[in-house]
């Protein structure tokens, strides 16, 4: 799934035949996914599992194009940003498939119009330019890969094949990677480089304006992390055991990460940023 010429990148797999974007980076579904492929994934409620040969997507042809990109690296970056805004893992390489993902639009519980997605991609491209032409001492390639990794970790945390503590680990690692991103982009001063983990989540909350709730504080969140990494305990139970309020805490952590990623991508949005503890579907408008 590579670039045919500098302005177009092929990717997959969007199962909505009528999905289309205009704007600076037009997206088109060029062909429907094969009926055999759709029948296979529908049997698993649109989940794809790598251990199953029948439901692997390695052999599927890309069914979408994005115009306006100027290199393969740029195209891959923009498609991953689209993955986040669209709410479904999208692929630019046939061997990019990892573990299990759901080939259905979800949007993390957010309602985002196609028009807002178009605006969001424009912000993401501005970020690409900022990173590429950053005059500070920054490894542009690594920064871009880190953003890719943060978004990918969010998708990995949604897998229904992993346990609750594993989901939490993916989410926490992504949040910590956001701290590293803010540090390298000089959003966080170098003096804060060595602040302890106990203060990192709180600091991210302060600079992004994404607030914790009264029920789940930064300290509570950090203590969960400490128990998992240092004591093999998740919510007062051994790792892998059923936990009280485990799902609620994970949804909160996901809500927090999603909102921080908007800040990472420098996307200006309104309608949700400070309401982390709500689990209702929220309408997001990108300005």
C-alpha atoms as a PDB file:
ATOM      1  CA  UNK A   1       0.000   0.000   0.000  1.00  0.00           C
ATOM      2  CA  UNK A   2       2.350   2.656  -1.176  1.00  0.00           C
ATOM      3  CA  UNK A   3       2.310   5.906  -3.085  1.00  0.00           C
ATOM      4  CA  UNK A   4       1.593   5.651  -6.812  1.00  0.00           C
ATOM      5  CA  UNK A   5       2.821   9.188  -7.333  1.00  0.00           C
ATOM      6  CA  UNK A   6       3.630  11.935  -4.831  1.00  0.00           C
ATOM      7  CA  UNK A   7       0.067  13.165  -4.329  1.00  0.00           C
ATOM      8  CA  UNK A   8      -1.800   9.926  -3.554  1.00  0.00           C
ATOM      9  CA  UNK A   9      -1.429   7.175  -0.966  1.00  0.00           C
ATOM     10  CA  UNK A  10      -3.460   3.974  -0.954  1.00  0.00           C
ATOM     11  CA  UNK A  11      -4.686   2.514   2.318  1.00  0.00           C
ATOM     12  CA  UNK A  12      -7.403   0.362   3.866  1.00  0.00           C
ATOM     13  CA  UNK A  13      -9.807  -0.657   5.117  1.00  0.00           C
ATOM     14  CA  UNK A  14     -12.928   1.474   5.384  1.00  0.00           C
ATOM     15  CA  UNK A  15     -16.075  -0.622   5.172  1.00  0.00           C
ATOM     16  CA  UNK A  16     -18.397   2.390   4.696  1.00  0.00           C
ATOM     17  CA  UNK A  17     -18.860   2.585   0.932  1.00  0.00           C
ATOM     18  CA  UNK A  18     -20.228   6.126   1.054  1.00  0.00           C
ATOM     19  CA  UNK A  19     -17.446   7.618   3.225  1.00  0.00           C
ATOM     20  CA  UNK A  20     -15.731  10.580   1.598  1.00  0.00           C
ATOM     21  CA  UNK A  21     -13.651  13.576   2.665  1.00  0.00           C
ATOM     22  CA  UNK A  22     -12.912  16.793   0.798  1.00  0.00           C
ATOM     23  CA  UNK A  23     -10.660  19.555   2.123  1.00  0.00           C
ATOM     24  CA  UNK A  24      -6.871  19.630   1.804  1.00  0.00           C
ATOM     25  CA  UNK A  25      -6.585  15.842   1.914  1.00  0.00           C
ATOM     26  CA  UNK A  26      -9.505  14.300  -0.005  1.00  0.00           C
ATOM     27  CA  UNK A  27     -10.282  10.684   0.881  1.00  0.00           C
ATOM     28  CA  UNK A  28     -12.247   8.325  -1.329  1.00  0.00           C
ATOM     29  CA  UNK A  29     -13.340   4.707  -0.980  1.00  0.00           C
ATOM     30  CA  UNK A  30     -12.325   3.378  -4.389  1.00  0.00           C
ATOM     31  CA  UNK A  31     -13.839  -0.078  -4.049  1.00  0.00           C
ATOM     32  CA  UNK A  32     -15.925  -2.103  -1.628  1.00  0.00           C
ATOM     33  CA  UNK A  33     -14.282  -4.706   0.561  1.00  0.00           C
ATOM     34  CA  UNK A  34     -14.917  -8.184  -0.817  1.00  0.00           C
ATOM     35  CA  UNK A  35     -18.101  -9.858   0.407  1.00  0.00           C
ATOM     36  CA  UNK A  36     -16.076 -12.837   1.611  1.00  0.00           C
ATOM     37  CA  UNK A  37     -13.950 -10.552   3.760  1.00  0.00           C
ATOM     38  CA  UNK A  38     -16.991  -8.726   5.164  1.00  0.00           C
ATOM     39  CA  UNK A  39     -18.751 -12.017   5.927  1.00  0.00           C
ATOM     40  CA  UNK A  40     -15.708 -13.275   7.819  1.00  0.00           C
ATOM     41  CA  UNK A  41     -15.310 -10.209  10.025  1.00  0.00           C
ATOM     42  CA  UNK A  42     -19.061  -9.904  10.642  1.00  0.00           C
ATOM     43  CA  UNK A  43     -18.961 -13.323  12.274  1.00  0.00           C
ATOM     44  CA  UNK A  44     -16.700 -11.783  14.928  1.00  0.00           C
ATOM     45  CA  UNK A  45     -18.648  -8.500  15.262  1.00  0.00           C
ATOM     46  CA  UNK A  46     -16.122  -6.782  12.952  1.00  0.00           C
ATOM     47  CA  UNK A  47     -13.116  -7.912  15.002  1.00  0.00           C
ATOM     48  CA  UNK A  48     -10.116  -9.253  13.082  1.00  0.00           C
ATOM     49  CA  UNK A  49      -7.773 -11.710  14.718  1.00  0.00           C
ATOM     50  CA  UNK A  50      -4.256 -12.370  13.492  1.00  0.00           C
ATOM     51  CA  UNK A  51      -4.195 -16.035  14.618  1.00  0.00           C
ATOM     52  CA  UNK A  52      -7.062 -16.790  12.220  1.00  0.00           C
ATOM     53  CA  UNK A  53      -5.949 -17.188   8.628  1.00  0.00           C
ATOM     54  CA  UNK A  54      -9.462 -16.590   7.332  1.00  0.00           C
ATOM     55  CA  UNK A  55      -9.841 -13.225   9.034  1.00  0.00           C
ATOM     56  CA  UNK A  56      -6.352 -11.922   8.322  1.00  0.00           C
ATOM     57  CA  UNK A  57      -6.260  -8.833   6.174  1.00  0.00           C
ATOM     58  CA  UNK A  58      -2.812  -9.313   4.668  1.00  0.00           C
ATOM     59  CA  UNK A  59      -4.242 -10.418   1.346  1.00  0.00           C
ATOM     60  CA  UNK A  60      -6.807  -7.644   0.991  1.00  0.00           C
ATOM     61  CA  UNK A  61      -6.219  -4.884  -1.546  1.00  0.00           C
ATOM     62  CA  UNK A  62      -6.299  -1.293  -0.269  1.00  0.00           C
ATOM     63  CA  UNK A  63      -9.714   0.173  -0.907  1.00  0.00           C
ATOM     64  CA  UNK A  64      -9.125   3.873  -0.169  1.00  0.00           C
ATOM     65  CA  UNK A  65      -7.001   6.762  -1.380  1.00  0.00           C
ATOM     66  CA  UNK A  66      -5.864   9.998   0.224  1.00  0.00           C
ATOM     67  CA  UNK A  67      -4.775  12.848  -2.026  1.00  0.00           C
ATOM     68  CA  UNK A  68      -2.555  15.811  -1.189  1.00  0.00           C
ATOM     69  CA  UNK A  69       0.375  13.990   0.429  1.00  0.00           C
ATOM     70  CA  UNK A  70       3.889  14.672  -0.848  1.00  0.00           C
ATOM     71  CA  UNK A  71       5.846  11.584   0.268  1.00  0.00           C
ATOM     72  CA  UNK A  72       5.238   8.068   1.531  1.00  0.00           C
ATOM     73  CA  UNK A  73       6.294   9.061   5.062  1.00  0.00           C
ATOM     74  CA  UNK A  74       3.959  12.054   4.985  1.00  0.00           C
ATOM     75  CA  UNK A  75       1.147   9.867   3.696  1.00  0.00           C
ATOM     76  CA  UNK A  76       1.629   7.294   6.441  1.00  0.00           C
ATOM     77  CA  UNK A  77       1.561  10.039   9.074  1.00  0.00           C
ATOM     78  CA  UNK A  78      -1.637  11.561   7.690  1.00  0.00           C
ATOM     79  CA  UNK A  79      -3.383   8.189   7.451  1.00  0.00           C
ATOM     80  CA  UNK A  80      -2.568   7.457  11.102  1.00  0.00           C
ATOM     81  CA  UNK A  81      -4.008  10.842  12.083  1.00  0.00           C
ATOM     82  CA  UNK A  82      -7.103   9.951  10.056  1.00  0.00           C
ATOM     83  CA  UNK A  83      -7.243   6.643  11.960  1.00  0.00           C
ATOM     84  CA  UNK A  84      -7.523   8.572  15.217  1.00  0.00           C
ATOM     85  CA  UNK A  85     -10.140  11.028  13.970  1.00  0.00           C
ATOM     86  CA  UNK A  86     -12.162   8.352  12.181  1.00  0.00           C
ATOM     87  CA  UNK A  87     -11.935   5.995  15.141  1.00  0.00           C
ATOM     88  CA  UNK A  88     -10.684   2.909  13.288  1.00  0.00           C
ATOM     89  CA  UNK A  89      -7.209   1.529  12.667  1.00  0.00           C
ATOM     90  CA  UNK A  90      -6.200   2.150   9.054  1.00  0.00           C
ATOM     91  CA  UNK A  91      -3.255   0.587   7.256  1.00  0.00           C
ATOM     92  CA  UNK A  92      -0.771   1.853   4.674  1.00  0.00           C
ATOM     93  CA  UNK A  93       1.288  -1.352   4.577  1.00  0.00           C
ATOM     94  CA  UNK A  94       0.153  -4.919   4.095  1.00  0.00           C
ATOM     95  CA  UNK A  95       2.330  -6.080   7.019  1.00  0.00           C
ATOM     96  CA  UNK A  96       1.209  -3.345   9.411  1.00  0.00           C
ATOM     97  CA  UNK A  97      -1.469  -5.478  11.016  1.00  0.00           C
ATOM     98  CA  UNK A  98      -0.797  -6.149  14.703  1.00  0.00           C
ATOM     99  CA  UNK A  99      -2.872  -8.327  17.046  1.00  0.00           C
ATOM    100  CA  UNK A 100      -6.586  -7.577  16.721  1.00  0.00           C
ATOM    101  CA  UNK A 101      -8.447  -4.454  15.714  1.00  0.00           C
ATOM    102  CA  UNK A 102     -12.059  -3.705  14.993  1.00  0.00           C
ATOM    103  CA  UNK A 103     -12.830  -2.673  11.436  1.00  0.00           C
ATOM    104  CA  UNK A 104     -15.757  -0.495  12.428  1.00  0.00           C
ATOM    105  CA  UNK A 105     -15.949   3.209  13.078  1.00  0.00           C
ATOM    106  CA  UNK A 106     -16.043   3.996  16.785  1.00  0.00           C
ATOM    107  CA  UNK A 107     -14.592   7.473  17.365  1.00  0.00           C
ATOM    108  CA  UNK A 108     -13.843   6.654  21.004  1.00  0.00           C
ATOM    109  CA  UNK A 109     -17.376   7.628  21.963  1.00  0.00           C
ATOM    110  CA  UNK A 110     -17.007  10.950  20.138  1.00  0.00           C
ATOM    111  CA  UNK A 111     -19.256  12.259  17.399  1.00  0.00           C
ATOM    112  CA  UNK A 112     -17.062  13.935  14.784  1.00  0.00           C
ATOM    113  CA  UNK A 113     -18.513  15.134  11.471  1.00  0.00           C
ATOM    114  CA  UNK A 114     -16.675  14.606   8.204  1.00  0.00           C
ATOM    115  CA  UNK A 115     -16.220  18.364   7.973  1.00  0.00           C
ATOM    116  CA  UNK A 116     -14.478  18.396  11.360  1.00  0.00           C
ATOM    117  CA  UNK A 117     -12.267  15.473  10.314  1.00  0.00           C
ATOM    118  CA  UNK A 118     -11.213  17.485   7.243  1.00  0.00           C
ATOM    119  CA  UNK A 119     -10.247  20.405   9.496  1.00  0.00           C
ATOM    120  CA  UNK A 120      -8.473  18.029  11.861  1.00  0.00           C
ATOM    121  CA  UNK A 121      -6.290  16.704   9.037  1.00  0.00           C
ATOM    122  CA  UNK A 122      -5.281  20.271   8.194  1.00  0.00           C
ATOM    123  CA  UNK A 123      -4.088  20.743  11.794  1.00  0.00           C
ATOM    124  CA  UNK A 124      -2.190  17.448  11.600  1.00  0.00           C
ATOM    125  CA  UNK A 125      -0.438  18.589   8.449  1.00  0.00           C
ATOM    126  CA  UNK A 126       0.558  21.825  10.175  1.00  0.00           C
ATOM    127  CA  UNK A 127       2.044  19.713  12.976  1.00  0.00           C
ATOM    128  CA  UNK A 128       3.951  17.665  10.375  1.00  0.00           C
ATOM    129  CA  UNK A 129       5.422  20.867   8.966  1.00  0.00           C
ATOM    130  CA  UNK A 130       6.314  22.127  12.455  1.00  0.00           C
ATOM    131  CA  UNK A 131       8.141  18.900  13.277  1.00  0.00           C
ATOM    132  CA  UNK A 132       9.859  18.666   9.886  1.00  0.00           C
ATOM    133  CA  UNK A 133      11.109  22.249   9.919  1.00  0.00           C
ATOM    134  CA  UNK A 134      11.686  22.558  13.661  1.00  0.00           C
ATOM    135  CA  UNK A 135      14.935  24.442  14.108  1.00  0.00           C
ATOM    136  CA  UNK A 136      15.425  23.099  17.622  1.00  0.00           C
ATOM    137  CA  UNK A 137      17.499  20.009  18.243  1.00  0.00           C
ATOM    138  CA  UNK A 138      14.789  17.422  17.708  1.00  0.00           C
ATOM    139  CA  UNK A 139      14.861  14.066  15.931  1.00  0.00           C
ATOM    140  CA  UNK A 140      11.956  14.700  13.544  1.00  0.00           C
ATOM    141  CA  UNK A 141      11.714  11.089  12.416  1.00  0.00           C
ATOM    142  CA  UNK A 142      11.508   9.819  15.994  1.00  0.00           C
ATOM    143  CA  UNK A 143       8.921  12.428  16.989  1.00  0.00           C
ATOM    144  CA  UNK A 144       6.696  11.340  14.094  1.00  0.00           C
ATOM    145  CA  UNK A 145       7.120   7.672  15.005  1.00  0.00           C
ATOM    146  CA  UNK A 146       6.239   8.476  18.608  1.00  0.00           C
ATOM    147  CA  UNK A 147       2.982  10.116  17.542  1.00  0.00           C
ATOM    148  CA  UNK A 148       2.272   7.047  15.417  1.00  0.00           C
ATOM    149  CA  UNK A 149       3.031   4.887  18.473  1.00  0.00           C
ATOM    150  CA  UNK A 150       0.731   6.879  20.765  1.00  0.00           C
ATOM    151  CA  UNK A 151      -2.207   6.468  18.388  1.00  0.00           C
ATOM    152  CA  UNK A 152      -1.402   2.797  17.837  1.00  0.00           C
ATOM    153  CA  UNK A 153      -1.268   2.140  21.591  1.00  0.00           C
ATOM    154  CA  UNK A 154      -4.743   3.642  21.899  1.00  0.00           C
ATOM    155  CA  UNK A 155      -5.994   1.121  19.336  1.00  0.00           C
ATOM    156  CA  UNK A 156      -4.144  -1.750  21.010  1.00  0.00           C
ATOM    157  CA  UNK A 157      -5.829  -0.870  24.298  1.00  0.00           C
ATOM    158  CA  UNK A 158      -9.246  -1.507  22.742  1.00  0.00           C
ATOM    159  CA  UNK A 159      -8.524  -5.151  21.891  1.00  0.00           C
ATOM    160  CA  UNK A 160     -11.011  -7.543  23.456  1.00  0.00           C
ATOM    161  CA  UNK A 161      -8.331 -10.259  23.582  1.00  0.00           C
ATOM    162  CA  UNK A 162      -6.329  -8.662  26.373  1.00  0.00           C
ATOM    163  CA  UNK A 163      -6.908  -8.384  30.120  1.00  0.00           C
ATOM    164  CA  UNK A 164      -7.845  -5.241  32.034  1.00  0.00           C
ATOM    165  CA  UNK A 165      -4.388  -4.623  33.458  1.00  0.00           C
ATOM    166  CA  UNK A 166      -2.894  -5.002  29.947  1.00  0.00           C
ATOM    167  CA  UNK A 167      -5.282  -2.384  28.608  1.00  0.00           C
ATOM    168  CA  UNK A 168      -4.270  -0.075  31.431  1.00  0.00           C
ATOM    169  CA  UNK A 169      -0.564  -0.620  30.637  1.00  0.00           C
ATOM    170  CA  UNK A 170      -1.070   0.312  26.974  1.00  0.00           C
ATOM    171  CA  UNK A 171      -2.947   3.447  27.974  1.00  0.00           C
ATOM    172  CA  UNK A 172      -0.409   4.500  30.597  1.00  0.00           C
ATOM    173  CA  UNK A 173       2.550   3.927  28.258  1.00  0.00           C
ATOM    174  CA  UNK A 174       0.812   6.112  25.652  1.00  0.00           C
ATOM    175  CA  UNK A 175       0.214   8.854  28.224  1.00  0.00           C
ATOM    176  CA  UNK A 176       3.864   8.715  29.273  1.00  0.00           C
ATOM    177  CA  UNK A 177       4.852   8.950  25.588  1.00  0.00           C
ATOM    178  CA  UNK A 178       2.727  12.117  25.397  1.00  0.00           C
ATOM    179  CA  UNK A 179       4.854  13.565  28.202  1.00  0.00           C
ATOM    180  CA  UNK A 180       7.997  12.736  26.198  1.00  0.00           C
ATOM    181  CA  UNK A 181       6.465  14.427  23.138  1.00  0.00           C
ATOM    182  CA  UNK A 182       5.659  17.601  25.057  1.00  0.00           C
ATOM    183  CA  UNK A 183       9.188  17.613  26.421  1.00  0.00           C
ATOM    184  CA  UNK A 184      10.860  17.276  23.027  1.00  0.00           C
ATOM    185  CA  UNK A 185       8.584  19.872  21.436  1.00  0.00           C
ATOM    186  CA  UNK A 186       9.502  22.324  24.242  1.00  0.00           C
ATOM    187  CA  UNK A 187       5.934  22.440  25.509  1.00  0.00           C
ATOM    188  CA  UNK A 188       7.404  21.194  28.777  1.00  0.00           C
ATOM    189  CA  UNK A 189      10.655  22.850  29.806  1.00  0.00           C
ATOM    190  CA  UNK A 190      13.868  20.836  29.972  1.00  0.00           C
ATOM    191  CA  UNK A 191      13.981  21.461  33.709  1.00  0.00           C
ATOM    192  CA  UNK A 192      10.991  19.144  34.038  1.00  0.00           C
ATOM    193  CA  UNK A 193      12.747  16.280  32.205  1.00  0.00           C
ATOM    194  CA  UNK A 194      13.401  14.269  35.345  1.00  0.00           C
ATOM    195  CA  UNK A 195      10.225  14.869  37.298  1.00  0.00           C
ATOM    196  CA  UNK A 196       8.915  11.621  38.836  1.00  0.00           C
ATOM    197  CA  UNK A 197       6.073   9.641  37.311  1.00  0.00           C
ATOM    198  CA  UNK A 198       3.914  10.670  40.235  1.00  0.00           C
ATOM    199  CA  UNK A 199       3.869  14.236  38.902  1.00  0.00           C
ATOM    200  CA  UNK A 200       3.853  13.594  35.149  1.00  0.00           C
ATOM    201  CA  UNK A 201       0.152  12.855  34.727  1.00  0.00           C
ATOM    202  CA  UNK A 202      -0.730  15.892  36.834  1.00  0.00           C
ATOM    203  CA  UNK A 203       1.597  18.049  34.737  1.00  0.00           C
ATOM    204  CA  UNK A 204       0.032  16.768  31.495  1.00  0.00           C
ATOM    205  CA  UNK A 205      -3.363  17.619  32.951  1.00  0.00           C
ATOM    206  CA  UNK A 206      -2.228  21.158  33.739  1.00  0.00           C
ATOM    207  CA  UNK A 207      -0.676  21.993  30.360  1.00  0.00           C
ATOM    208  CA  UNK A 208      -3.480  20.456  28.293  1.00  0.00           C
ATOM    209  CA  UNK A 209      -6.373  21.675  30.408  1.00  0.00           C
ATOM    210  CA  UNK A 210      -7.786  18.137  30.522  1.00  0.00           C
ATOM    211  CA  UNK A 211      -9.002  17.836  34.082  1.00  0.00           C
ATOM    212  CA  UNK A 212      -9.376  14.815  36.298  1.00  0.00           C
ATOM    213  CA  UNK A 213     -12.582  14.163  38.183  1.00  0.00           C
ATOM    214  CA  UNK A 214     -13.222  14.262  41.914  1.00  0.00           C
ATOM    215  CA  UNK A 215     -13.617  10.476  41.938  1.00  0.00           C
ATOM    216  CA  UNK A 216     -10.463   9.606  39.978  1.00  0.00           C
ATOM    217  CA  UNK A 217      -7.587  11.905  40.849  1.00  0.00           C
ATOM    218  CA  UNK A 218      -4.087  12.077  39.375  1.00  0.00           C
ATOM    219  CA  UNK A 219      -2.772  10.396  42.514  1.00  0.00           C
ATOM    220  CA  UNK A 220      -5.281   7.537  42.228  1.00  0.00           C
ATOM    221  CA  UNK A 221      -4.297   7.055  38.585  1.00  0.00           C
ATOM    222  CA  UNK A 222      -0.605   7.035  39.452  1.00  0.00           C
ATOM    223  CA  UNK A 223      -1.140   4.546  42.282  1.00  0.00           C
ATOM    224  CA  UNK A 224      -2.764   2.115  39.845  1.00  0.00           C
ATOM    225  CA  UNK A 225       0.303   2.429  37.625  1.00  0.00           C
ATOM    226  CA  UNK A 226       2.638   1.862  40.566  1.00  0.00           C
ATOM    227  CA  UNK A 227       0.786  -1.247  41.708  1.00  0.00           C
ATOM    228  CA  UNK A 228       0.835  -2.772  38.207  1.00  0.00           C
ATOM    229  CA  UNK A 229       4.474  -2.089  37.393  1.00  0.00           C
ATOM    230  CA  UNK A 230       6.015  -2.682  40.832  1.00  0.00           C
ATOM    231  CA  UNK A 231       3.716  -5.014  42.738  1.00  0.00           C
ATOM    232  CA  UNK A 232       1.836  -7.100  40.169  1.00  0.00           C
ATOM    233  CA  UNK A 233      -1.504  -5.831  41.457  1.00  0.00           C
ATOM    234  CA  UNK A 234      -4.319  -4.131  39.559  1.00  0.00           C
ATOM    235  CA  UNK A 235      -7.107  -2.535  41.616  1.00  0.00           C
ATOM    236  CA  UNK A 236      -6.205  -4.634  44.669  1.00  0.00           C
ATOM    237  CA  UNK A 237      -6.284  -7.932  42.751  1.00  0.00           C
ATOM    238  CA  UNK A 238      -3.464 -10.042  41.239  1.00  0.00           C
ATOM    239  CA  UNK A 239      -2.909  -9.277  37.553  1.00  0.00           C
ATOM    240  CA  UNK A 240      -5.493 -11.034  35.411  1.00  0.00           C
ATOM    241  CA  UNK A 241      -8.133 -11.388  38.111  1.00  0.00           C
ATOM    242  CA  UNK A 242     -11.527  -9.721  37.860  1.00  0.00           C
ATOM    243  CA  UNK A 243     -11.590  -6.255  39.449  1.00  0.00           C
ATOM    244  CA  UNK A 244     -14.321  -4.040  40.822  1.00  0.00           C
ATOM    245  CA  UNK A 245     -14.755  -0.866  38.697  1.00  0.00           C
ATOM    246  CA  UNK A 246     -12.001  -2.031  36.330  1.00  0.00           C
ATOM    247  CA  UNK A 247     -13.945  -1.140  33.198  1.00  0.00           C
ATOM    248  CA  UNK A 248     -14.914   2.290  34.544  1.00  0.00           C
ATOM    249  CA  UNK A 249     -11.295   3.166  35.321  1.00  0.00           C
ATOM    250  CA  UNK A 250     -10.170   2.019  31.876  1.00  0.00           C
ATOM    251  CA  UNK A 251     -12.823   4.128  30.162  1.00  0.00           C
ATOM    252  CA  UNK A 252     -11.686   7.108  32.184  1.00  0.00           C
ATOM    253  CA  UNK A 253      -8.039   6.499  31.225  1.00  0.00           C
ATOM    254  CA  UNK A 254      -9.043   6.167  27.570  1.00  0.00           C
ATOM    255  CA  UNK A 255     -11.079   9.374  27.719  1.00  0.00           C
ATOM    256  CA  UNK A 256      -8.096  11.176  29.208  1.00  0.00           C
ATOM    257  CA  UNK A 257      -5.677   9.851  26.562  1.00  0.00           C
ATOM    258  CA  UNK A 258      -8.014  10.676  23.667  1.00  0.00           C
ATOM    259  CA  UNK A 259      -8.293  14.280  24.806  1.00  0.00           C
ATOM    260  CA  UNK A 260      -4.535  14.574  25.328  1.00  0.00           C
ATOM    261  CA  UNK A 261      -3.939  13.243  21.789  1.00  0.00           C
ATOM    262  CA  UNK A 262      -6.003  16.131  20.419  1.00  0.00           C
ATOM    263  CA  UNK A 263      -3.530  18.393  22.193  1.00  0.00           C
ATOM    264  CA  UNK A 264      -0.547  16.381  20.853  1.00  0.00           C
ATOM    265  CA  UNK A 265      -1.861  16.821  17.309  1.00  0.00           C
ATOM    266  CA  UNK A 266      -2.477  20.533  18.007  1.00  0.00           C
ATOM    267  CA  UNK A 267      -6.101  20.177  16.949  1.00  0.00           C
ATOM    268  CA  UNK A 268      -8.305  22.977  18.245  1.00  0.00           C
ATOM    269  CA  UNK A 269     -11.595  21.438  19.307  1.00  0.00           C
ATOM    270  CA  UNK A 270     -14.478  22.365  21.535  1.00  0.00           C
ATOM    271  CA  UNK A 271     -17.351  20.547  23.161  1.00  0.00           C
ATOM    272  CA  UNK A 272     -15.484  17.967  25.200  1.00  0.00           C
ATOM    273  CA  UNK A 273     -11.981  18.883  26.335  1.00  0.00           C
ATOM    274  CA  UNK A 274     -12.663  19.397  30.053  1.00  0.00           C
ATOM    275  CA  UNK A 275     -15.339  16.714  30.511  1.00  0.00           C
ATOM    276  CA  UNK A 276     -13.095  13.708  30.976  1.00  0.00           C
ATOM    277  CA  UNK A 277     -15.257  11.814  33.437  1.00  0.00           C
ATOM    278  CA  UNK A 278     -18.328  11.643  31.207  1.00  0.00           C
ATOM    279  CA  UNK A 279     -18.805   8.335  29.400  1.00  0.00           C
ATOM    280  CA  UNK A 280     -21.592   9.603  27.152  1.00  0.00           C
ATOM    281  CA  UNK A 281     -21.075  10.129  23.439  1.00  0.00           C
ATOM    282  CA  UNK A 282     -19.883  13.691  23.024  1.00  0.00           C
ATOM    283  CA  UNK A 283     -20.182  15.939  20.005  1.00  0.00           C
ATOM    284  CA  UNK A 284     -16.768  17.358  19.096  1.00  0.00           C
ATOM    285  CA  UNK A 285     -16.452  20.345  16.797  1.00  0.00           C
ATOM    286  CA  UNK A 286     -12.999  21.059  15.333  1.00  0.00           C
ATOM    287  CA  UNK A 287     -12.539  24.770  14.781  1.00  0.00           C
END
